[in-house]
Protein backbone atom coordinates (compact mmCIF):
# COMPACT_ATOMS: atom_id res chain seq x y z
CA MET A 1 76.41 81.91 132.35
CA GLN A 2 74.16 79.83 130.11
CA GLN A 3 75.79 78.33 127.02
CA GLU A 4 73.71 78.61 123.85
CA GLU A 5 73.62 75.93 121.23
CA SER A 6 76.13 76.39 118.47
CA GLY A 7 75.22 78.50 115.47
CA VAL A 8 76.20 77.10 112.10
CA CYS A 9 76.82 78.96 108.85
CA ASP A 10 78.88 78.81 105.69
CA VAL A 11 80.74 82.07 106.27
CA LEU A 12 81.17 83.88 109.57
CA VAL A 13 82.17 87.55 109.34
CA ILE A 14 83.61 89.41 112.32
CA GLY A 15 82.69 93.09 112.00
CA SER A 16 79.96 94.89 110.06
CA GLY A 17 81.94 97.92 108.88
CA PRO A 18 82.53 98.69 105.19
CA ALA A 19 84.57 95.51 104.57
CA GLY A 20 82.25 93.12 106.40
CA ALA A 21 79.06 94.71 105.12
CA THR A 22 80.37 94.44 101.55
CA VAL A 23 81.54 90.82 101.53
CA ALA A 24 78.50 89.52 103.44
CA PRO A 25 75.66 90.45 101.02
CA LEU A 26 77.77 89.55 97.98
CA LEU A 27 78.24 86.04 99.40
CA ALA A 28 74.58 85.80 100.41
CA GLU A 29 73.67 86.55 96.79
CA LYS A 30 75.69 83.50 95.79
CA GLY A 31 73.59 81.29 98.05
CA TYR A 32 75.76 81.04 101.17
CA LYS A 33 74.46 81.32 104.71
CA VAL A 34 76.35 84.30 106.10
CA VAL A 35 76.41 85.53 109.70
CA VAL A 36 78.02 88.81 110.81
CA LEU A 37 79.06 89.38 114.43
CA GLU A 38 79.17 93.06 115.37
CA LYS A 39 80.49 94.01 118.82
CA ASP A 40 78.64 97.36 118.89
CA ARG A 41 75.05 98.40 118.30
CA TYR A 42 73.90 100.92 115.72
CA PRO A 43 74.16 103.86 115.45
CA ARG A 44 77.86 104.00 116.32
CA PHE A 45 80.53 106.66 115.90
CA HIS A 46 83.44 106.10 113.54
CA ILE A 47 85.95 108.18 111.64
CA GLY A 48 86.88 107.64 108.00
CA GLU A 49 84.13 109.81 106.55
CA SER A 50 85.60 110.58 103.13
CA LEU A 51 84.90 108.22 100.23
CA LEU A 52 86.65 108.04 96.85
CA PRO A 53 85.13 108.15 93.36
CA ALA A 54 86.07 104.48 92.93
CA ASN A 55 83.47 103.71 95.61
CA LEU A 56 80.64 104.75 93.27
CA PRO A 57 80.50 101.64 91.02
CA LEU A 58 80.60 99.42 94.11
CA LEU A 59 77.76 101.36 95.73
CA GLU A 60 75.76 100.69 92.56
CA ARG A 61 76.75 97.02 92.67
CA LEU A 62 75.49 96.76 96.25
CA GLY A 63 72.26 98.56 95.37
CA ILE A 64 72.73 101.41 97.85
CA ALA A 65 73.79 104.28 95.58
CA ASP A 66 70.55 106.23 96.13
CA GLU A 67 70.66 105.77 99.90
CA VAL A 68 74.25 107.00 100.09
CA ARG A 69 73.46 109.92 97.81
CA ALA A 70 70.70 110.95 100.26
CA ILE A 71 73.08 111.10 103.23
CA GLY A 72 76.28 112.17 101.46
CA MET A 73 77.87 115.54 100.83
CA MET A 74 79.10 115.59 97.24
CA LYS A 75 82.89 115.82 97.04
CA PRO A 76 84.15 116.92 93.60
CA GLY A 77 87.76 117.26 94.66
CA ALA A 78 90.46 117.70 97.27
CA GLN A 79 92.05 120.98 98.32
CA PHE A 80 95.60 121.30 99.69
CA VAL A 81 96.77 124.21 101.83
CA SER A 82 100.47 124.68 102.56
CA PRO A 83 102.05 127.12 105.03
CA HIS A 84 104.92 127.54 102.55
CA HIS A 85 102.87 128.53 99.50
CA PRO A 86 100.76 131.68 99.04
CA HIS A 87 97.99 129.86 97.16
CA THR A 88 95.77 126.83 97.68
CA GLN A 89 95.60 123.96 95.20
CA THR A 90 92.46 122.01 94.36
CA PHE A 91 92.43 118.76 92.43
CA TYR A 92 89.16 117.84 90.71
CA PHE A 93 88.35 114.20 90.09
CA SER A 94 86.72 115.15 86.79
CA LYS A 95 90.23 115.79 85.45
CA ALA A 96 91.48 112.28 86.24
CA TRP A 97 92.40 109.87 83.46
CA ASN A 98 89.03 108.13 83.69
CA LYS A 99 86.34 110.84 83.43
CA SER A 100 83.47 108.53 84.42
CA MET A 101 83.93 109.04 88.20
CA PRO A 102 83.95 112.84 88.68
CA TYR A 103 83.00 113.00 92.36
CA ALA A 104 82.73 111.11 95.64
CA TYR A 105 80.86 111.63 98.91
CA GLN A 106 81.65 112.66 102.47
CA VAL A 107 79.45 110.72 104.89
CA LEU A 108 78.70 110.56 108.58
CA ARG A 109 79.94 107.06 109.27
CA SER A 110 77.19 106.23 111.75
CA GLU A 111 74.72 106.74 108.90
CA PHE A 112 76.83 105.18 106.15
CA ASP A 113 77.62 102.04 108.13
CA ALA A 114 73.94 101.69 109.03
CA VAL A 115 73.03 101.83 105.32
CA LEU A 116 75.55 99.07 104.60
CA MET A 117 74.32 96.94 107.50
CA ARG A 118 70.63 97.28 106.60
CA ASN A 119 71.46 96.35 103.02
CA ALA A 120 73.20 93.20 104.21
CA VAL A 121 70.13 92.22 106.25
CA ARG A 122 67.82 92.87 103.29
CA ARG A 123 69.93 90.53 101.20
CA GLY A 124 69.66 87.65 103.63
CA VAL A 125 72.62 88.16 105.97
CA GLU A 126 72.11 87.50 109.68
CA VAL A 127 73.69 90.41 111.58
CA VAL A 128 74.14 89.86 115.30
CA GLU A 129 74.72 93.18 117.06
CA GLY A 130 76.25 93.44 120.52
CA CYS A 131 78.21 90.22 120.01
CA ARG A 132 81.99 90.20 120.34
CA ALA A 133 84.18 87.38 119.01
CA LYS A 134 86.42 86.20 121.86
CA SER A 135 88.40 83.23 120.56
CA VAL A 136 88.88 81.14 117.44
CA ASN A 137 89.82 77.54 116.81
CA PHE A 138 90.76 76.27 113.38
CA GLU A 139 89.82 72.65 114.00
CA ALA A 140 90.27 71.62 110.37
CA GLU A 141 90.66 73.19 106.95
CA ASP A 142 86.91 72.84 106.45
CA ARG A 143 85.74 74.15 109.83
CA VAL A 144 86.32 77.19 112.04
CA VAL A 145 84.91 77.52 115.55
CA VAL A 146 84.47 80.98 117.08
CA GLN A 147 83.50 81.60 120.68
CA ALA A 148 81.53 84.83 121.07
CA ALA A 149 80.01 86.80 123.95
CA HIS A 150 76.79 88.83 123.74
CA ASP A 151 76.61 92.14 125.59
CA ASP A 152 73.89 90.72 127.86
CA GLY A 153 76.31 88.09 129.17
CA ARG A 154 75.27 85.16 127.01
CA GLU A 155 77.93 83.10 125.28
CA GLN A 156 77.63 81.39 121.93
CA THR A 157 79.72 79.15 119.72
CA TRP A 158 79.65 79.56 115.96
CA GLN A 159 80.85 76.99 113.45
CA ALA A 160 81.60 78.03 109.88
CA ARG A 161 83.28 76.71 106.77
CA PHE A 162 85.10 80.02 106.29
CA LEU A 163 85.97 82.95 108.52
CA VAL A 164 86.30 86.60 107.47
CA ASP A 165 88.08 89.00 109.80
CA ALA A 166 86.63 92.43 109.09
CA SER A 167 87.15 93.65 112.65
CA GLY A 168 88.91 96.84 111.60
CA ARG A 169 91.55 98.24 113.92
CA ASP A 170 90.65 95.57 116.49
CA THR A 171 92.67 93.22 114.21
CA PHE A 172 91.05 90.12 115.72
CA LEU A 173 93.10 87.46 113.92
CA ALA A 174 96.36 89.40 113.62
CA ASN A 175 96.41 89.88 117.39
CA ARG A 176 95.70 86.22 118.07
CA PHE A 177 98.31 85.07 115.59
CA LYS A 178 100.72 87.72 116.97
CA ILE A 179 101.48 88.93 113.44
CA LYS A 180 100.42 92.58 113.71
CA ASN A 181 103.49 94.64 112.85
CA ARG A 182 104.09 98.34 113.31
CA ASN A 183 105.01 99.97 110.02
CA PRO A 184 108.68 100.96 110.46
CA LYS A 185 108.47 103.40 107.54
CA HIS A 186 105.58 105.44 108.90
CA THR A 187 104.01 106.06 112.27
CA SER A 188 101.50 108.65 113.37
CA ALA A 189 98.55 109.30 115.63
CA ALA A 190 95.29 111.20 115.18
CA VAL A 191 93.14 113.44 117.35
CA PHE A 192 89.76 114.38 115.91
CA GLY A 193 86.33 115.84 116.53
CA HIS A 194 83.15 117.02 114.80
CA PHE A 195 82.28 120.72 114.59
CA SER A 196 79.27 122.76 113.56
CA GLY A 197 79.53 126.25 112.12
CA ALA A 198 82.84 125.65 110.31
CA ARG A 199 83.47 127.87 107.31
CA ARG A 200 83.47 125.82 104.13
CA ASN A 201 84.35 126.51 100.54
CA THR A 202 81.55 128.05 98.51
CA GLY A 203 79.46 126.79 95.63
CA SER A 204 80.21 123.38 94.16
CA ASP A 205 83.44 123.21 96.18
CA GLU A 206 81.56 123.15 99.50
CA GLY A 207 82.01 119.40 99.89
CA ASN A 208 85.71 119.25 99.03
CA ILE A 209 87.99 117.73 101.62
CA THR A 210 90.80 120.10 102.60
CA ILE A 211 94.25 118.96 103.70
CA PHE A 212 96.22 121.50 105.76
CA TRP A 213 99.92 120.89 106.25
CA PHE A 214 101.43 122.24 109.47
CA GLU A 215 104.78 121.91 111.21
CA HIS A 216 104.00 118.63 112.97
CA GLY A 217 101.92 116.80 110.36
CA TRP A 218 98.63 117.62 108.69
CA PHE A 219 94.93 118.23 109.34
CA TRP A 220 91.85 116.92 107.58
CA PHE A 221 88.75 119.12 107.14
CA ILE A 222 85.78 117.02 105.93
CA PRO A 223 82.43 118.75 105.35
CA MET A 224 79.34 116.56 105.78
CA MET A 225 75.59 117.03 105.67
CA ASN A 226 73.65 118.91 108.35
CA ASP A 227 76.47 121.35 109.16
CA VAL A 228 78.80 118.70 110.57
CA THR A 229 82.50 119.00 109.73
CA SER A 230 85.06 116.42 110.78
CA VAL A 231 88.43 117.89 111.74
CA GLY A 232 91.41 115.71 112.59
CA MET A 233 95.06 116.31 113.39
CA VAL A 234 97.44 113.59 112.18
CA THR A 235 100.81 114.03 113.80
CA TRP A 236 104.02 112.31 114.80
CA PRO A 237 104.66 110.44 118.08
CA TYR A 238 107.13 113.02 119.39
CA PHE A 239 104.49 115.74 119.07
CA MET A 240 101.87 113.60 120.81
CA LYS A 241 104.25 113.42 123.77
CA THR A 242 104.11 117.22 124.10
CA ARG A 243 100.44 116.95 125.07
CA GLY A 244 101.39 116.70 128.74
CA SER A 245 98.47 117.31 131.08
CA ARG A 246 96.21 118.79 128.40
CA ASN A 247 93.06 116.85 127.58
CA LEU A 248 92.49 115.77 123.97
CA GLU A 249 90.15 118.67 123.22
CA GLN A 250 92.64 121.28 124.35
CA PHE A 251 95.47 119.50 122.53
CA LEU A 252 93.44 119.55 119.31
CA ARG A 253 92.43 123.20 119.77
CA ASP A 254 96.06 124.19 120.40
CA GLY A 255 97.09 122.32 117.28
CA ILE A 256 94.41 124.08 115.25
CA ALA A 257 95.61 127.44 116.58
CA SER A 258 99.08 126.67 115.19
CA CYS A 259 97.60 126.35 111.69
CA PRO A 260 96.16 129.83 110.91
CA PRO A 261 94.27 128.91 107.67
CA LEU A 262 92.42 126.14 109.54
CA ALA A 263 91.88 128.27 112.64
CA GLU A 264 90.23 130.86 110.41
CA ARG A 265 87.87 128.23 109.00
CA LEU A 266 86.92 127.16 112.53
CA GLU A 267 86.51 130.61 114.08
CA GLY A 268 83.23 130.51 115.98
CA ALA A 269 82.68 126.79 115.28
CA GLU A 270 81.42 124.56 118.09
CA LEU A 271 82.26 120.98 118.96
CA VAL A 272 79.31 118.62 118.54
CA HIS A 273 81.12 115.42 119.44
CA ALA A 274 83.71 114.70 122.09
CA VAL A 275 87.28 114.79 120.82
CA GLU A 276 88.83 111.34 120.46
CA GLY A 277 92.25 110.03 119.58
CA THR A 278 93.93 106.96 118.20
CA GLY A 279 97.53 105.87 117.89
CA ASN A 280 99.54 103.20 116.08
CA PHE A 281 98.09 104.55 112.86
CA SER A 282 100.14 102.48 110.39
CA TYR A 283 100.51 98.72 110.63
CA ALA A 284 100.15 95.51 108.63
CA ALA A 285 99.61 91.88 109.50
CA GLY A 286 102.26 89.38 108.45
CA ARG A 287 99.71 87.67 106.21
CA ASN A 288 96.13 88.26 105.08
CA HIS A 289 94.81 84.74 104.51
CA GLY A 290 94.93 81.06 105.34
CA PRO A 291 93.17 77.98 103.95
CA ASN A 292 89.82 78.97 105.49
CA TYR A 293 90.12 82.60 106.54
CA LEU A 294 90.75 86.06 105.12
CA MET A 295 91.61 89.42 106.70
CA LEU A 296 89.99 92.46 105.10
CA GLY A 297 90.47 96.21 105.25
CA ASP A 298 91.95 97.57 108.47
CA ALA A 299 91.96 94.08 110.00
CA TYR A 300 94.88 93.41 107.66
CA ALA A 301 96.59 96.77 107.23
CA PHE A 302 96.10 100.47 107.78
CA VAL A 303 97.97 103.34 106.18
CA ASP A 304 97.87 107.06 106.92
CA PRO A 305 94.46 108.46 105.86
CA VAL A 306 95.74 111.50 103.96
CA PHE A 307 94.22 110.23 100.68
CA SER A 308 90.94 108.98 102.23
CA SER A 309 91.71 105.48 101.00
CA GLY A 310 90.49 103.51 104.02
CA VAL A 311 86.81 102.95 103.20
CA TRP A 312 87.56 102.27 99.54
CA LEU A 313 90.28 99.72 100.31
CA ALA A 314 88.00 98.05 102.86
CA MET A 315 85.02 97.79 100.52
CA ASN A 316 87.15 96.67 97.60
CA SER A 317 88.71 93.99 99.80
CA GLY A 318 85.16 92.81 100.54
CA LEU A 319 84.46 92.55 96.83
CA MET A 320 87.67 90.60 96.23
CA ALA A 321 86.97 88.39 99.24
CA SER A 322 83.51 87.42 97.97
CA GLU A 323 85.04 86.13 94.74
CA THR A 324 87.90 84.37 96.53
CA ILE A 325 85.70 82.64 99.12
CA ASP A 326 83.23 81.51 96.46
CA THR A 327 86.09 79.89 94.54
CA CYS A 328 87.52 78.25 97.68
CA LEU A 329 84.17 76.76 98.70
CA ARG A 330 82.88 75.74 95.27
CA GLU A 331 86.13 74.74 93.58
CA PRO A 332 88.63 73.60 96.23
CA ALA A 333 91.15 72.59 93.55
CA ARG A 334 91.47 76.28 92.59
CA ALA A 335 91.63 77.59 96.17
CA GLY A 336 95.40 77.97 96.27
CA ALA A 337 95.53 80.09 93.13
CA ALA A 338 92.55 82.17 94.29
CA LEU A 339 94.18 82.91 97.65
CA LYS A 340 97.46 83.93 95.99
CA HIS A 341 95.56 86.29 93.69
CA PHE A 342 93.73 87.74 96.70
CA ASP A 343 97.05 88.26 98.49
CA ARG A 344 98.55 90.16 95.55
CA ARG A 345 95.52 92.42 95.21
CA MET A 346 95.32 93.12 98.95
CA LYS A 347 98.95 94.24 99.02
CA HIS A 348 98.59 96.36 95.87
CA GLY A 349 96.40 99.12 97.34
CA PRO A 350 98.46 99.94 100.46
CA LYS A 351 101.65 99.75 98.38
CA VAL A 352 100.39 102.28 95.82
CA PHE A 353 99.13 104.78 98.40
CA SER A 354 102.08 104.31 100.76
CA TRP A 355 104.66 105.55 98.25
CA PHE A 356 102.89 108.93 98.23
CA ILE A 357 102.02 108.89 101.94
CA TYR A 358 105.64 108.42 103.00
CA ARG A 359 106.59 111.54 101.05
CA MET A 360 103.59 113.80 101.69
CA THR A 361 105.37 115.93 104.28
CA ASN A 362 108.53 116.18 102.17
CA PRO A 363 108.87 119.81 100.98
CA ILE A 364 109.79 118.70 97.46
CA MET A 365 106.66 116.55 97.19
CA ARG A 366 104.66 119.44 98.63
CA ASP A 367 105.97 121.61 95.80
CA PHE A 368 104.78 118.99 93.30
CA PHE A 369 101.28 119.02 94.80
CA MET A 370 101.09 122.78 95.04
CA GLY A 371 102.40 123.36 91.50
CA PRO A 372 101.10 120.39 89.45
CA ARG A 373 102.10 119.80 85.84
CA ASN A 374 100.63 117.33 83.38
CA ALA A 375 103.86 116.33 81.61
CA PHE A 376 103.51 112.73 80.43
CA ARG A 377 99.91 112.93 81.75
CA THR A 378 101.27 112.71 85.29
CA GLN A 379 98.58 114.96 86.77
CA GLU A 380 95.81 112.82 85.30
CA ALA A 381 97.51 109.70 86.63
CA LEU A 382 97.97 111.23 90.09
CA LEU A 383 94.29 112.21 90.14
CA SER A 384 93.39 108.63 89.24
CA VAL A 385 95.36 107.43 92.24
CA LEU A 386 93.62 110.01 94.45
CA ALA A 387 90.30 108.75 93.04
CA GLY A 388 91.14 105.15 93.96
CA ASP A 389 91.26 104.03 90.33
CA ILE A 390 94.15 101.64 90.90
CA PHE A 391 92.60 98.19 90.45
CA GLY A 392 91.03 98.50 87.01
CA LYS A 393 92.30 98.78 83.47
CA THR A 394 92.91 102.53 83.35
CA PRO A 395 96.43 102.77 81.83
CA ILE A 396 97.90 105.12 84.42
CA TRP A 397 101.04 103.25 85.43
CA PRO A 398 103.58 104.58 82.89
CA SER A 399 102.55 108.09 83.93
CA VAL A 400 102.74 107.20 87.62
CA TRP A 401 106.28 105.93 87.05
CA ALA A 402 107.08 109.14 85.16
CA PHE A 403 105.84 111.15 88.15
CA LYS A 404 108.18 109.18 90.43
CA VAL A 405 111.12 109.73 88.10
CA LEU A 406 110.45 113.48 88.09
CA TYR A 407 110.23 113.47 91.88
CA TYR A 408 113.51 111.61 92.30
CA ALA A 409 115.15 113.92 89.76
CA ALA A 410 113.97 116.95 91.74
CA ASN A 411 115.62 115.46 94.83
CA LEU A 412 118.88 114.99 92.96
CA PHE A 413 118.84 118.61 91.83
CA GLN A 414 118.17 119.82 95.41
CA PRO A 415 120.46 117.56 97.44
CA ARG A 416 120.71 119.73 100.57
CA ARG A 417 116.96 120.17 100.76
CA ALA A 418 116.39 116.48 100.08
CA PHE A 419 118.88 115.43 102.76
CA ALA A 420 117.34 117.80 105.31
CA ALA A 421 113.90 116.36 104.54
CA TRP A 422 115.25 112.81 104.93
CA LYS A 423 116.75 113.66 108.32
CA ARG A 424 113.53 115.32 109.43
CA ARG A 425 111.46 112.31 108.45
CA ARG A 426 113.81 110.00 110.36
CA PHE A 427 113.25 112.22 113.40
CA ASN A 428 109.48 112.25 112.89
CA ILE A 429 108.92 108.49 112.62
CA ARG A 430 111.18 107.37 115.44
CA ARG A 431 109.44 105.38 118.14
CA VAL A 432 107.68 107.25 120.94
CA GLU A 433 109.89 105.92 123.71
CA GLU A 434 112.86 107.40 121.86
CA ALA A 435 111.23 110.83 121.78
CA ALA A 436 111.89 111.70 125.44
């Protein structure tokens, strides 16, 4: 195997997904030589097709708003369907606290990620496809050495002043540091596929994401352009063990059949992509930075996707990383403070969403979602959270706290129901090996 000469750059980014393809062009604009290593080649399949309204300003900042608009299905809101309520409930982003972001998009990720990658190349980033990072050596605080392998068998060594891990669920650095930790408060797995011919909502609601609760978790129903609808079942480890000898497609179809409102939407629909699955859905690394590296998006942490927060948190982490890295490289005396600020911001997003995620299958929380009230502007604040408006200056937090107080009060007034829900959740999140 012939060894290539070392490549040299200011910033080396592992992964060209939403996090990597956001930080890379923003750093290139600041004058840095940026190289992105991408293990796959485009186009590539990926889940995580639902964006949030908070993505829109960042799409404008990156200069790709028109391109995303051309490939995206407009998503004005999110619909919730409960087996324990006779009605459906739709939340519209236009009713959030901040009225300036009234919609989002649903996108086929193979197209969306390609838009991001092409934009990075246009802005001066070198993207190396079919090149997998294999090992890393932090020789000094001012130099990182990464050994990579091309898919044609060639090997290459890259030297950089700063390393960005945007490897997604591969968690390149967290695995090597042995700091990837299962989330003890939440664990789930997903089985998903793309369908054509699914029955969608009508009119302006056609692009709404729909969340269907069912006995063993929940389903997503994400309409996209060209009659493609992503359907995924997010469920608990004990239920995954009931799959037995069934293949993933049959397991998903049987799950759909157990949720009549979703089965009705998919009557006559056809699979257009092989069903896939993924486990270990919730985790976090023990840290997200060091003197000359950062972990972004899913490479640092992943939470249950019920609120479609993944792409937004990844892209926002890329924005924060570009500012942090610029400070570290240009003003080393301020690096410590910049890294601490980055750490606080990275932890903020998963923390905000997780409080709701941990309680989404609780029947009392389900009642709150299916019968919303705007006391103390709590509905507007909740919609702002669903829109991803959690990093700016929108003054939602007193109302978010009020929502939590009301939720806890409801639990106190329904102690038997609350205790039963607590016991059920303990059963749901227990480790798989305990589910025999």
